[in-house]
Amino acid sequence: MKRSAQKTNSGKKPKAKQKKNNNKFDAKKPKKPPTAFFYFLEDFRKEFKEQNPDIKSMCEIGKACGEKWKTMTYEEKVQYYDIATEKRAEFDRAMIEFNKKMENGDLEESDEESEFDE
């Protein structure tokens, strides 16, 4: 069969898949806390910018941070793990409270701001 005789769909655009929005976003739901690496990233970014003021690219800063994190010992990382564990415990308590309010239906009446909203 010749190429000109073959049917092609070159003129048609493929149909885009529609996303299903099964998860409803709840603004009052507590947000998950960052991991230990992100707490380290905050500190590292400040130090890195002071030492290298000419580097502005977040890509380069991120790569340097990742390399530093890989070379750090557990003892050096412990302070960040402690912070992350503490924040995770706060989040877990907030989620338990949130779930209780959801079960009781008290969430709509409450206008309390979440302690995780910054």
PDB file of N, CA and C in Angstrom:
ATOM      1  N   MET A   1       0.837  -1.163   0.000  1.00  0.00           N
ATOM      2  CA  MET A   1       0.000   0.000   0.000  1.00  0.00           C
ATOM      3  C   MET A   1       0.889   1.234   0.000  1.00  0.00           C
ATOM      4  N   LYS A   2       0.565   2.164  -0.824  1.00  0.00           N
ATOM      5  CA  LYS A   2       1.337   3.386  -0.906  1.00  0.00           C
ATOM      6  C   LYS A   2       1.020   4.290   0.263  1.00  0.00           C
ATOM      7  N   ARG A   3       1.976   5.123   0.563  1.00  0.00           N
ATOM      8  CA  ARG A   3       1.818   6.054   1.678  1.00  0.00           C
ATOM      9  C   ARG A   3       0.661   7.019   1.468  1.00  0.00           C
ATOM     10  N   SER A   4       0.452   7.457   0.287  1.00  0.00           N
ATOM     11  CA  SER A   4      -0.623   8.407   0.021  1.00  0.00           C
ATOM     12  C   SER A   4      -1.991   7.760   0.198  1.00  0.00           C
ATOM     13  N   ALA A   5      -2.046   6.460   0.057  1.00  0.00           N
ATOM     14  CA  ALA A   5      -3.311   5.758   0.181  1.00  0.00           C
ATOM     15  C   ALA A   5      -3.651   5.459   1.639  1.00  0.00           C
ATOM     16  N   GLN A   6      -2.627   5.507   2.527  1.00  0.00           N
ATOM     17  CA  GLN A   6      -2.888   5.231   3.938  1.00  0.00           C
ATOM     18  C   GLN A   6      -3.645   6.392   4.559  1.00  0.00           C
ATOM     19  N   LYS A   7      -4.522   6.051   5.437  1.00  0.00           N
ATOM     20  CA  LYS A   7      -5.254   7.098   6.145  1.00  0.00           C
ATOM     21  C   LYS A   7      -4.430   7.546   7.342  1.00  0.00           C
ATOM     22  N   THR A   8      -4.310   8.843   7.474  1.00  0.00           N
ATOM     23  CA  THR A   8      -3.572   9.387   8.614  1.00  0.00           C
ATOM     24  C   THR A   8      -4.474  10.329   9.388  1.00  0.00           C
ATOM     25  N   ASN A   9      -4.182  10.465  10.639  1.00  0.00           N
ATOM     26  CA  ASN A   9      -4.933  11.380  11.494  1.00  0.00           C
ATOM     27  C   ASN A   9      -4.125  12.636  11.772  1.00  0.00           C
ATOM     28  N   SER A  10      -3.307  13.027  10.823  1.00  0.00           N
ATOM     29  CA  SER A  10      -2.440  14.174  11.065  1.00  0.00           C
ATOM     30  C   SER A  10      -3.220  15.472  11.236  1.00  0.00           C
ATOM     31  N   GLY A  11      -4.412  15.547  10.697  1.00  0.00           N
ATOM     32  CA  GLY A  11      -5.215  16.760  10.811  1.00  0.00           C
ATOM     33  C   GLY A  11      -5.973  16.844  12.117  1.00  0.00           C
ATOM     34  N   LYS A  12      -6.096  15.738  12.810  1.00  0.00           N
ATOM     35  CA  LYS A  12      -6.873  15.726  14.052  1.00  0.00           C
ATOM     36  C   LYS A  12      -5.960  15.810  15.256  1.00  0.00           C
ATOM     37  N   LYS A  13      -6.407  16.511  16.235  1.00  0.00           N
ATOM     38  CA  LYS A  13      -5.667  16.591  17.488  1.00  0.00           C
ATOM     39  C   LYS A  13      -6.139  15.467  18.405  1.00  0.00           C
ATOM     40  N   PRO A  14      -5.221  14.854  19.146  1.00  0.00           N
ATOM     41  CA  PRO A  14      -5.651  13.816  20.087  1.00  0.00           C
ATOM     42  C   PRO A  14      -6.463  14.431  21.224  1.00  0.00           C
ATOM     43  N   LYS A  15      -7.431  13.678  21.651  1.00  0.00           N
ATOM     44  CA  LYS A  15      -8.268  14.180  22.735  1.00  0.00           C
ATOM     45  C   LYS A  15      -7.498  14.177  24.049  1.00  0.00           C
ATOM     46  N   ALA A  16      -7.606  15.263  24.773  1.00  0.00           N
ATOM     47  CA  ALA A  16      -6.943  15.361  26.073  1.00  0.00           C
ATOM     48  C   ALA A  16      -7.777  14.621  27.104  1.00  0.00           C
ATOM     49  N   LYS A  17      -7.098  13.919  27.968  1.00  0.00           N
ATOM     50  CA  LYS A  17      -7.801  13.211  29.026  1.00  0.00           C
ATOM     51  C   LYS A  17      -8.294  14.216  30.054  1.00  0.00           C
ATOM     52  N   GLN A  18      -9.508  14.042  30.456  1.00  0.00           N
ATOM     53  CA  GLN A  18     -10.061  14.925  31.465  1.00  0.00           C
ATOM     54  C   GLN A  18      -9.665  14.418  32.843  1.00  0.00           C
ATOM     55  N   LYS A  19      -9.206  15.349  33.678  1.00  0.00           N
ATOM     56  CA  LYS A  19      -8.815  14.972  35.027  1.00  0.00           C
ATOM     57  C   LYS A  19     -10.053  14.873  35.895  1.00  0.00           C
ATOM     58  N   LYS A  20     -10.066  13.827  36.685  1.00  0.00           N
ATOM     59  CA  LYS A  20     -11.165  13.666  37.626  1.00  0.00           C
ATOM     60  C   LYS A  20     -10.779  14.365  38.920  1.00  0.00           C
ATOM     61  N   ASN A  21     -11.658  15.166  39.401  1.00  0.00           N
ATOM     62  CA  ASN A  21     -11.390  15.894  40.635  1.00  0.00           C
ATOM     63  C   ASN A  21     -12.161  15.230  41.767  1.00  0.00           C
ATOM     64  N   ASN A  22     -11.685  14.039  42.170  1.00  0.00           N
ATOM     65  CA  ASN A  22     -12.332  13.310  43.249  1.00  0.00           C
ATOM     66  C   ASN A  22     -11.973  13.895  44.610  1.00  0.00           C
ATOM     67  N   ASN A  23     -10.770  14.437  44.723  1.00  0.00           N
ATOM     68  CA  ASN A  23     -10.320  14.978  45.998  1.00  0.00           C
ATOM     69  C   ASN A  23     -10.757  16.429  46.113  1.00  0.00           C
ATOM     70  N   LYS A  24     -11.590  16.689  47.072  1.00  0.00           N
ATOM     71  CA  LYS A  24     -12.000  18.073  47.308  1.00  0.00           C
ATOM     72  C   LYS A  24     -10.969  18.714  48.215  1.00  0.00           C
ATOM     73  N   PHE A  25     -10.555  19.911  47.885  1.00  0.00           N
ATOM     74  CA  PHE A  25      -9.567  20.625  48.678  1.00  0.00           C
ATOM     75  C   PHE A  25     -10.256  21.260  49.870  1.00  0.00           C
ATOM     76  N   ASP A  26      -9.730  21.003  51.050  1.00  0.00           N
ATOM     77  CA  ASP A  26     -10.276  21.572  52.268  1.00  0.00           C
ATOM     78  C   ASP A  26      -9.262  22.553  52.835  1.00  0.00           C
ATOM     79  N   ALA A  27      -9.595  23.826  52.828  1.00  0.00           N
ATOM     80  CA  ALA A  27      -8.673  24.873  53.263  1.00  0.00           C
ATOM     81  C   ALA A  27      -8.367  24.786  54.755  1.00  0.00           C
ATOM     82  N   LYS A  28      -9.234  24.170  55.529  1.00  0.00           N
ATOM     83  CA  LYS A  28      -9.013  24.091  56.974  1.00  0.00           C
ATOM     84  C   LYS A  28      -8.203  22.867  57.381  1.00  0.00           C
ATOM     85  N   LYS A  29      -7.933  22.007  56.431  1.00  0.00           N
ATOM     86  CA  LYS A  29      -7.156  20.805  56.731  1.00  0.00           C
ATOM     87  C   LYS A  29      -5.702  21.198  56.974  1.00  0.00           C
ATOM     88  N   PRO A  30      -5.071  20.671  58.031  1.00  0.00           N
ATOM     89  CA  PRO A  30      -3.666  21.004  58.301  1.00  0.00           C
ATOM     90  C   PRO A  30      -2.754  20.562  57.164  1.00  0.00           C
ATOM     91  N   LYS A  31      -1.743  21.367  56.905  1.00  0.00           N
ATOM     92  CA  LYS A  31      -0.791  21.054  55.841  1.00  0.00           C
ATOM     93  C   LYS A  31       0.328  20.188  56.396  1.00  0.00           C
ATOM     94  N   LYS A  32       0.820  19.276  55.556  1.00  0.00           N
ATOM     95  CA  LYS A  32       1.910  18.409  55.990  1.00  0.00           C
ATOM     96  C   LYS A  32       3.169  19.242  56.206  1.00  0.00           C
ATOM     97  N   PRO A  33       3.918  18.915  57.250  1.00  0.00           N
ATOM     98  CA  PRO A  33       5.150  19.668  57.510  1.00  0.00           C
ATOM     99  C   PRO A  33       6.269  19.236  56.569  1.00  0.00           C
ATOM    100  N   PRO A  34       7.263  20.096  56.374  1.00  0.00           N
ATOM    101  CA  PRO A  34       8.402  19.728  55.527  1.00  0.00           C
ATOM    102  C   PRO A  34       9.250  18.623  56.162  1.00  0.00           C
ATOM    103  N   THR A  35      10.052  17.975  55.337  1.00  0.00           N
ATOM    104  CA  THR A  35      10.955  16.936  55.825  1.00  0.00           C
ATOM    105  C   THR A  35      12.222  17.590  56.380  1.00  0.00           C
ATOM    106  N   ALA A  36      13.068  16.779  56.976  1.00  0.00           N
ATOM    107  CA  ALA A  36      14.317  17.266  57.567  1.00  0.00           C
ATOM    108  C   ALA A  36      15.183  17.950  56.509  1.00  0.00           C
ATOM    109  N   PHE A  37      15.173  17.417  55.300  1.00  0.00           N
ATOM    110  CA  PHE A  37      15.983  18.007  54.232  1.00  0.00           C
ATOM    111  C   PHE A  37      15.582  19.444  53.960  1.00  0.00           C
ATOM    112  N   PHE A  38      14.301  19.762  54.011  1.00  0.00           N
ATOM    113  CA  PHE A  38      13.857  21.123  53.726  1.00  0.00           C
ATOM    114  C   PHE A  38      14.249  22.099  54.837  1.00  0.00           C
ATOM    115  N   TYR A  39      14.290  21.617  56.075  1.00  0.00           N
ATOM    116  CA  TYR A  39      14.791  22.481  57.157  1.00  0.00           C
ATOM    117  C   TYR A  39      16.283  22.742  56.971  1.00  0.00           C
ATOM    118  N   PHE A  40      17.004  21.717  56.526  1.00  0.00           N
ATOM    119  CA  PHE A  40      18.425  21.896  56.216  1.00  0.00           C
ATOM    120  C   PHE A  40      18.586  22.866  55.048  1.00  0.00           C
ATOM    121  N   LEU A  41      17.736  22.741  54.055  1.00  0.00           N
ATOM    122  CA  LEU A  41      17.806  23.594  52.867  1.00  0.00           C
ATOM    123  C   LEU A  41      17.675  25.076  53.229  1.00  0.00           C
ATOM    124  N   GLU A  42      16.796  25.391  54.163  1.00  0.00           N
ATOM    125  CA  GLU A  42      16.640  26.782  54.615  1.00  0.00           C
ATOM    126  C   GLU A  42      17.962  27.335  55.153  1.00  0.00           C
ATOM    127  N   ASP A  43      18.577  26.573  56.063  1.00  0.00           N
ATOM    128  CA  ASP A  43      19.840  27.016  56.660  1.00  0.00           C
ATOM    129  C   ASP A  43      20.958  27.075  55.632  1.00  0.00           C
ATOM    130  N   PHE A  44      21.036  26.046  54.801  1.00  0.00           N
ATOM    131  CA  PHE A  44      22.118  25.962  53.817  1.00  0.00           C
ATOM    132  C   PHE A  44      22.019  27.102  52.806  1.00  0.00           C
ATOM    133  N   ARG A  45      20.815  27.410  52.386  1.00  0.00           N
ATOM    134  CA  ARG A  45      20.619  28.458  51.375  1.00  0.00           C
ATOM    135  C   ARG A  45      21.160  29.803  51.868  1.00  0.00           C
ATOM    136  N   LYS A  46      20.889  30.112  53.146  1.00  0.00           N
ATOM    137  CA  LYS A  46      21.382  31.372  53.717  1.00  0.00           C
ATOM    138  C   LYS A  46      22.917  31.404  53.721  1.00  0.00           C
ATOM    139  N   GLU A  47      23.533  30.333  54.191  1.00  0.00           N
ATOM    140  CA  GLU A  47      24.994  30.261  54.253  1.00  0.00           C
ATOM    141  C   GLU A  47      25.604  30.302  52.855  1.00  0.00           C
ATOM    142  N   PHE A  48      24.997  29.573  51.923  1.00  0.00           N
ATOM    143  CA  PHE A  48      25.530  29.486  50.574  1.00  0.00           C
ATOM    144  C   PHE A  48      25.485  30.850  49.878  1.00  0.00           C
ATOM    145  N   LYS A  49      24.397  31.586  50.091  1.00  0.00           N
ATOM    146  CA  LYS A  49      24.272  32.907  49.466  1.00  0.00           C
ATOM    147  C   LYS A  49      25.300  33.886  50.030  1.00  0.00           C
ATOM    148  N   GLU A  50      25.598  33.763  51.327  1.00  0.00           N
ATOM    149  CA  GLU A  50      26.611  34.635  51.931  1.00  0.00           C
ATOM    150  C   GLU A  50      27.998  34.321  51.373  1.00  0.00           C
ATOM    151  N   GLN A  51      28.292  33.050  51.199  1.00  0.00           N
ATOM    152  CA  GLN A  51      29.611  32.645  50.714  1.00  0.00           C
ATOM    153  C   GLN A  51      29.752  32.819  49.202  1.00  0.00           C
ATOM    154  N   ASN A  52      28.639  32.710  48.472  1.00  0.00           N
ATOM    155  CA  ASN A  52      28.665  32.806  47.005  1.00  0.00           C
ATOM    156  C   ASN A  52      27.613  33.810  46.526  1.00  0.00           C
ATOM    157  N   PRO A  53      27.829  35.096  46.736  1.00  0.00           N
ATOM    158  CA  PRO A  53      26.800  36.084  46.361  1.00  0.00           C
ATOM    159  C   PRO A  53      26.586  36.188  44.853  1.00  0.00           C
ATOM    160  N   ASP A  54      27.548  35.743  44.058  1.00  0.00           N
ATOM    161  CA  ASP A  54      27.414  35.841  42.614  1.00  0.00           C
ATOM    162  C   ASP A  54      26.520  34.751  42.021  1.00  0.00           C
ATOM    163  N   ILE A  55      26.275  33.671  42.746  1.00  0.00           N
ATOM    164  CA  ILE A  55      25.431  32.578  42.245  1.00  0.00           C
ATOM    165  C   ILE A  55      23.986  32.852  42.646  1.00  0.00           C
ATOM    166  N   LYS A  56      23.152  33.039  41.644  1.00  0.00           N
ATOM    167  CA  LYS A  56      21.742  33.359  41.891  1.00  0.00           C
ATOM    168  C   LYS A  56      20.808  32.214  41.497  1.00  0.00           C
ATOM    169  N   SER A  57      21.309  31.262  40.743  1.00  0.00           N
ATOM    170  CA  SER A  57      20.485  30.182  40.215  1.00  0.00           C
ATOM    171  C   SER A  57      20.070  29.203  41.314  1.00  0.00           C
ATOM    172  N   MET A  58      18.762  28.988  41.446  1.00  0.00           N
ATOM    173  CA  MET A  58      18.259  28.024  42.431  1.00  0.00           C
ATOM    174  C   MET A  58      18.686  26.611  42.058  1.00  0.00           C
ATOM    175  N   CYS A  59      18.880  26.366  40.787  1.00  0.00           N
ATOM    176  CA  CYS A  59      19.330  25.055  40.333  1.00  0.00           C
ATOM    177  C   CYS A  59      20.706  24.737  40.910  1.00  0.00           C
ATOM    178  N   GLU A  60      21.613  25.684  40.825  1.00  0.00           N
ATOM    179  CA  GLU A  60      22.965  25.479  41.348  1.00  0.00           C
ATOM    180  C   GLU A  60      22.970  25.374  42.870  1.00  0.00           C
ATOM    181  N   ILE A  61      22.154  26.184  43.520  1.00  0.00           N
ATOM    182  CA  ILE A  61      22.057  26.130  44.978  1.00  0.00           C
ATOM    183  C   ILE A  61      21.489  24.776  45.402  1.00  0.00           C
ATOM    184  N   GLY A  62      20.465  24.311  44.707  1.00  0.00           N
ATOM    185  CA  GLY A  62      19.862  23.017  45.013  1.00  0.00           C
ATOM    186  C   GLY A  62      20.827  21.862  44.839  1.00  0.00           C
ATOM    187  N   LYS A  63      21.621  21.921  43.775  1.00  0.00           N
ATOM    188  CA  LYS A  63      22.611  20.859  43.544  1.00  0.00           C
ATOM    189  C   LYS A  63      23.663  20.853  44.643  1.00  0.00           C
ATOM    190  N   ALA A  64      24.143  22.038  45.012  1.00  0.00           N
ATOM    191  CA  ALA A  64      25.151  22.133  46.074  1.00  0.00           C
ATOM    192  C   ALA A  64      24.576  21.631  47.402  1.00  0.00           C
ATOM    193  N   CYS A  65      23.311  21.957  47.654  1.00  0.00           N
ATOM    194  CA  CYS A  65      22.655  21.524  48.889  1.00  0.00           C
ATOM    195  C   CYS A  65      22.511  20.004  48.919  1.00  0.00           C
ATOM    196  N   GLY A  66      22.102  19.426  47.814  1.00  0.00           N
ATOM    197  CA  GLY A  66      21.955  17.976  47.741  1.00  0.00           C
ATOM    198  C   GLY A  66      23.273  17.254  47.959  1.00  0.00           C
ATOM    199  N   GLU A  67      24.336  17.790  47.378  1.00  0.00           N
ATOM    200  CA  GLU A  67      25.659  17.190  47.558  1.00  0.00           C
ATOM    201  C   GLU A  67      26.100  17.277  49.020  1.00  0.00           C
ATOM    202  N   LYS A  68      25.859  18.412  49.640  1.00  0.00           N
ATOM    203  CA  LYS A  68      26.236  18.603  51.048  1.00  0.00           C
ATOM    204  C   LYS A  68      25.447  17.639  51.931  1.00  0.00           C
ATOM    205  N   TRP A  69      24.131  17.497  51.666  1.00  0.00           N
ATOM    206  CA  TRP A  69      23.276  16.613  52.454  1.00  0.00           C
ATOM    207  C   TRP A  69      23.749  15.173  52.356  1.00  0.00           C
ATOM    208  N   LYS A  70      24.169  14.766  51.168  1.00  0.00           N
ATOM    209  CA  LYS A  70      24.643  13.389  50.973  1.00  0.00           C
ATOM    210  C   LYS A  70      25.914  13.112  51.753  1.00  0.00           C
ATOM    211  N   THR A  71      26.769  14.121  51.889  1.00  0.00           N
ATOM    212  CA  THR A  71      28.054  13.915  52.551  1.00  0.00           C
ATOM    213  C   THR A  71      27.973  14.098  54.066  1.00  0.00           C
ATOM    214  N   MET A  72      26.870  14.623  54.566  1.00  0.00           N
ATOM    215  CA  MET A  72      26.740  14.840  56.007  1.00  0.00           C
ATOM    216  C   MET A  72      26.561  13.527  56.744  1.00  0.00           C
ATOM    217  N   THR A  73      27.084  13.468  57.960  1.00  0.00           N
ATOM    218  CA  THR A  73      26.903  12.285  58.801  1.00  0.00           C
ATOM    219  C   THR A  73      25.554  12.372  59.501  1.00  0.00           C
ATOM    220  N   TYR A  74      25.140  11.261  60.078  1.00  0.00           N
ATOM    221  CA  TYR A  74      23.861  11.239  60.789  1.00  0.00           C
ATOM    222  C   TYR A  74      23.862  12.233  61.951  1.00  0.00           C
ATOM    223  N   GLU A  75      24.997  12.340  62.637  1.00  0.00           N
ATOM    224  CA  GLU A  75      25.093  13.253  63.779  1.00  0.00           C
ATOM    225  C   GLU A  75      24.865  14.705  63.348  1.00  0.00           C
ATOM    226  N   GLU A  76      25.312  15.048  62.143  1.00  0.00           N
ATOM    227  CA  GLU A  76      25.100  16.407  61.637  1.00  0.00           C
ATOM    228  C   GLU A  76      23.646  16.633  61.230  1.00  0.00           C
ATOM    229  N   LYS A  77      22.982  15.571  60.796  1.00  0.00           N
ATOM    230  CA  LYS A  77      21.600  15.680  60.339  1.00  0.00           C
ATOM    231  C   LYS A  77      20.586  15.620  61.476  1.00  0.00           C
ATOM    232  N   VAL A  78      21.014  15.140  62.644  1.00  0.00           N
ATOM    233  CA  VAL A  78      20.090  14.907  63.752  1.00  0.00           C
ATOM    234  C   VAL A  78      19.272  16.143  64.116  1.00  0.00           C
ATOM    235  N   GLN A  79      19.892  17.309  64.131  1.00  0.00           N
ATOM    236  CA  GLN A  79      19.151  18.516  64.515  1.00  0.00           C
ATOM    237  C   GLN A  79      17.979  18.763  63.565  1.00  0.00           C
ATOM    238  N   TYR A  80      18.150  18.463  62.287  1.00  0.00           N
ATOM    239  CA  TYR A  80      17.075  18.662  61.315  1.00  0.00           C
ATOM    240  C   TYR A  80      16.018  17.573  61.442  1.00  0.00           C
ATOM    241  N   TYR A  81      16.439  16.355  61.737  1.00  0.00           N
ATOM    242  CA  TYR A  81      15.489  15.273  61.974  1.00  0.00           C
ATOM    243  C   TYR A  81      14.644  15.566  63.216  1.00  0.00           C
ATOM    244  N   ASP A  82      15.270  16.144  64.251  1.00  0.00           N
ATOM    245  CA  ASP A  82      14.532  16.489  65.466  1.00  0.00           C
ATOM    246  C   ASP A  82      13.452  17.525  65.182  1.00  0.00           C
ATOM    247  N   ILE A  83      13.805  18.547  64.413  1.00  0.00           N
ATOM    248  CA  ILE A  83      12.834  19.590  64.064  1.00  0.00           C
ATOM    249  C   ILE A  83      11.688  18.979  63.270  1.00  0.00           C
ATOM    250  N   ALA A  84      12.026  18.145  62.286  1.00  0.00           N
ATOM    251  CA  ALA A  84      11.009  17.523  61.440  1.00  0.00           C
ATOM    252  C   ALA A  84      10.099  16.601  62.252  1.00  0.00           C
ATOM    253  N   THR A  85      10.676  15.863  63.189  1.00  0.00           N
ATOM    254  CA  THR A  85       9.886  14.965  64.033  1.00  0.00           C
ATOM    255  C   THR A  85       8.924  15.752  64.912  1.00  0.00           C
ATOM    256  N   GLU A  86       9.417  16.854  65.450  1.00  0.00           N
ATOM    257  CA  GLU A  86       8.591  17.717  66.292  1.00  0.00           C
ATOM    258  C   GLU A  86       7.414  18.290  65.495  1.00  0.00           C
ATOM    259  N   LYS A  87       7.704  18.783  64.309  1.00  0.00           N
ATOM    260  CA  LYS A  87       6.649  19.354  63.457  1.00  0.00           C
ATOM    261  C   LYS A  87       5.675  18.287  63.007  1.00  0.00           C
ATOM    262  N   ARG A  88       6.174  17.086  62.762  1.00  0.00           N
ATOM    263  CA  ARG A  88       5.306  15.988  62.348  1.00  0.00           C
ATOM    264  C   ARG A  88       4.347  15.607  63.474  1.00  0.00           C
ATOM    265  N   ALA A  89       4.840  15.623  64.715  1.00  0.00           N
ATOM    266  CA  ALA A  89       3.983  15.316  65.862  1.00  0.00           C
ATOM    267  C   ALA A  89       2.880  16.368  65.998  1.00  0.00           C
ATOM    268  N   GLU A  90       3.232  17.636  65.798  1.00  0.00           N
ATOM    269  CA  GLU A  90       2.228  18.708  65.837  1.00  0.00           C
ATOM    270  C   GLU A  90       1.186  18.495  64.746  1.00  0.00           C
ATOM    271  N   PHE A  91       1.650  18.122  63.560  1.00  0.00           N
ATOM    272  CA  PHE A  91       0.748  17.869  62.438  1.00  0.00           C
ATOM    273  C   PHE A  91      -0.189  16.708  62.751  1.00  0.00           C
ATOM    274  N   ASP A  92       0.350  15.632  63.326  1.00  0.00           N
ATOM    275  CA  ASP A  92      -0.473  14.468  63.660  1.00  0.00           C
ATOM    276  C   ASP A  92      -1.562  14.831  64.663  1.00  0.00           C
ATOM    277  N   ARG A  93      -1.188  15.633  65.671  1.00  0.00           N
ATOM    278  CA  ARG A  93      -2.190  16.083  66.654  1.00  0.00           C
ATOM    279  C   ARG A  93      -3.263  16.933  65.976  1.00  0.00           C
ATOM    280  N   ALA A  94      -2.839  17.815  65.093  1.00  0.00           N
ATOM    281  CA  ALA A  94      -3.786  18.682  64.384  1.00  0.00           C
ATOM    282  C   ALA A  94      -4.706  17.857  63.479  1.00  0.00           C
ATOM    283  N   MET A  95      -4.173  16.806  62.857  1.00  0.00           N
ATOM    284  CA  MET A  95      -4.991  15.952  61.992  1.00  0.00           C
ATOM    285  C   MET A  95      -6.015  15.169  62.803  1.00  0.00           C
ATOM    286  N   ILE A  96      -5.622  14.706  63.977  1.00  0.00           N
ATOM    287  CA  ILE A  96      -6.565  13.989  64.837  1.00  0.00           C
ATOM    288  C   ILE A  96      -7.716  14.909  65.212  1.00  0.00           C
ATOM    289  N   GLU A  97      -7.365  16.132  65.585  1.00  0.00           N
ATOM    290  CA  GLU A  97      -8.384  17.120  65.943  1.00  0.00           C
ATOM    291  C   GLU A  97      -9.266  17.435  64.731  1.00  0.00           C
ATOM    292  N   PHE A  98      -8.660  17.598  63.575  1.00  0.00           N
ATOM    293  CA  PHE A  98      -9.398  17.892  62.343  1.00  0.00           C
ATOM    294  C   PHE A  98     -10.363  16.753  62.014  1.00  0.00           C
ATOM    295  N   ASN A  99      -9.879  15.508  62.114  1.00  0.00           N
ATOM    296  CA  ASN A  99     -10.735  14.361  61.806  1.00  0.00           C
ATOM    297  C   ASN A  99     -11.902  14.240  62.777  1.00  0.00           C
ATOM    298  N   LYS A 100     -11.668  14.549  64.049  1.00  0.00           N
ATOM    299  CA  LYS A 100     -12.765  14.533  65.035  1.00  0.00           C
ATOM    300  C   LYS A 100     -13.812  15.568  64.669  1.00  0.00           C
ATOM    301  N   LYS A 101     -13.354  16.761  64.267  1.00  0.00           N
ATOM    302  CA  LYS A 101     -14.292  17.817  63.876  1.00  0.00           C
ATOM    303  C   LYS A 101     -15.072  17.411  62.629  1.00  0.00           C
ATOM    304  N   MET A 102     -14.415  16.728  61.708  1.00  0.00           N
ATOM    305  CA  MET A 102     -15.094  16.270  60.495  1.00  0.00           C
ATOM    306  C   MET A 102     -16.176  15.254  60.831  1.00  0.00           C
ATOM    307  N   GLU A 103     -15.866  14.342  61.749  1.00  0.00           N
ATOM    308  CA  GLU A 103     -16.835  13.323  62.137  1.00  0.00           C
ATOM    309  C   GLU A 103     -18.031  13.948  62.841  1.00  0.00           C
ATOM    310  N   ASN A 104     -17.778  14.944  63.666  1.00  0.00           N
ATOM    311  CA  ASN A 104     -18.850  15.586  64.421  1.00  0.00           C
ATOM    312  C   ASN A 104     -19.579  16.639  63.608  1.00  0.00           C
ATOM    313  N   GLY A 105     -19.016  17.057  62.511  1.00  0.00           N
ATOM    314  CA  GLY A 105     -19.641  18.089  61.691  1.00  0.00           C
ATOM    315  C   GLY A 105     -19.435  19.485  62.241  1.00  0.00           C
ATOM    316  N   ASP A 106     -18.474  19.648  63.144  1.00  0.00           N
ATOM    317  CA  ASP A 106     -18.226  20.946  63.756  1.00  0.00           C
ATOM    318  C   ASP A 106     -17.320  21.834  62.919  1.00  0.00           C
ATOM    319  N   LEU A 107     -16.791  21.332  61.843  1.00  0.00           N
ATOM    320  CA  LEU A 107     -15.786  22.061  61.083  1.00  0.00           C
ATOM    321  C   LEU A 107     -16.340  23.313  60.423  1.00  0.00           C
ATOM    322  N   GLU A 108     -17.572  23.261  59.943  1.00  0.00           N
ATOM    323  CA  GLU A 108     -18.136  24.417  59.258  1.00  0.00           C
ATOM    324  C   GLU A 108     -18.331  25.601  60.201  1.00  0.00           C
ATOM    325  N   GLU A 109     -18.655  25.305  61.456  1.00  0.00           N
ATOM    326  CA  GLU A 109     -18.914  26.365  62.425  1.00  0.00           C
ATOM    327  C   GLU A 109     -17.641  27.028  62.915  1.00  0.00           C
ATOM    328  N   SER A 110     -16.533  26.301  62.909  1.00  0.00           N
ATOM    329  CA  SER A 110     -15.278  26.807  63.443  1.00  0.00           C
ATOM    330  C   SER A 110     -14.567  27.676  62.419  1.00  0.00           C
ATOM    331  N   ASP A 111     -14.164  28.883  62.844  1.00  0.00           N
ATOM    332  CA  ASP A 111     -13.415  29.794  61.979  1.00  0.00           C
ATOM    333  C   ASP A 111     -11.984  29.927  62.446  1.00  0.00           C
ATOM    334  N   GLU A 112     -11.501  28.919  63.213  1.00  0.00           N
ATOM    335  CA  GLU A 112     -10.135  28.961  63.730  1.00  0.00           C
ATOM    336  C   GLU A 112      -9.136  28.877  62.602  1.00  0.00           C
ATOM    337  N   GLU A 113      -8.060  29.657  62.706  1.00  0.00           N
ATOM    338  CA  GLU A 113      -6.969  29.578  61.738  1.00  0.00           C
ATOM    339  C   GLU A 113      -6.068  28.432  62.139  1.00  0.00           C
ATOM    340  N   SER A 114      -5.574  27.709  61.181  1.00  0.00           N
ATOM    341  CA  SER A 114      -4.640  26.616  61.451  1.00  0.00           C
ATOM    342  C   SER A 114      -3.292  27.183  61.845  1.00  0.00           C
ATOM    343  N   GLU A 115      -2.615  26.521  62.770  1.00  0.00           N
ATOM    344  CA  GLU A 115      -1.290  26.988  63.199  1.00  0.00           C
ATOM    345  C   GLU A 115      -0.241  26.732  62.128  1.00  0.00           C
ATOM    346  N   PHE A 116      -0.593  25.934  61.099  1.00  0.00           N
ATOM    347  CA  PHE A 116       0.350  25.654  60.027  1.00  0.00           C
ATOM    348  C   PHE A 116       0.262  26.664  58.901  1.00  0.00           C
ATOM    349  N   ASP A 117      -0.801  27.456  58.862  1.00  0.00           N
ATOM    350  CA  ASP A 117      -0.915  28.492  57.834  1.00  0.00           C
ATOM    351  C   ASP A 117       0.014  29.632  58.186  1.00  0.00           C
ATOM    352  N   GLU A 118       0.918  29.937  57.294  1.00  0.00           N
ATOM    353  CA  GLU A 118       1.867  31.009  57.570  1.00  0.00           C
ATOM    354  C   GLU A 118       1.816  32.034  56.488  1.00  0.00           C
TER     355      GLU A 118
END
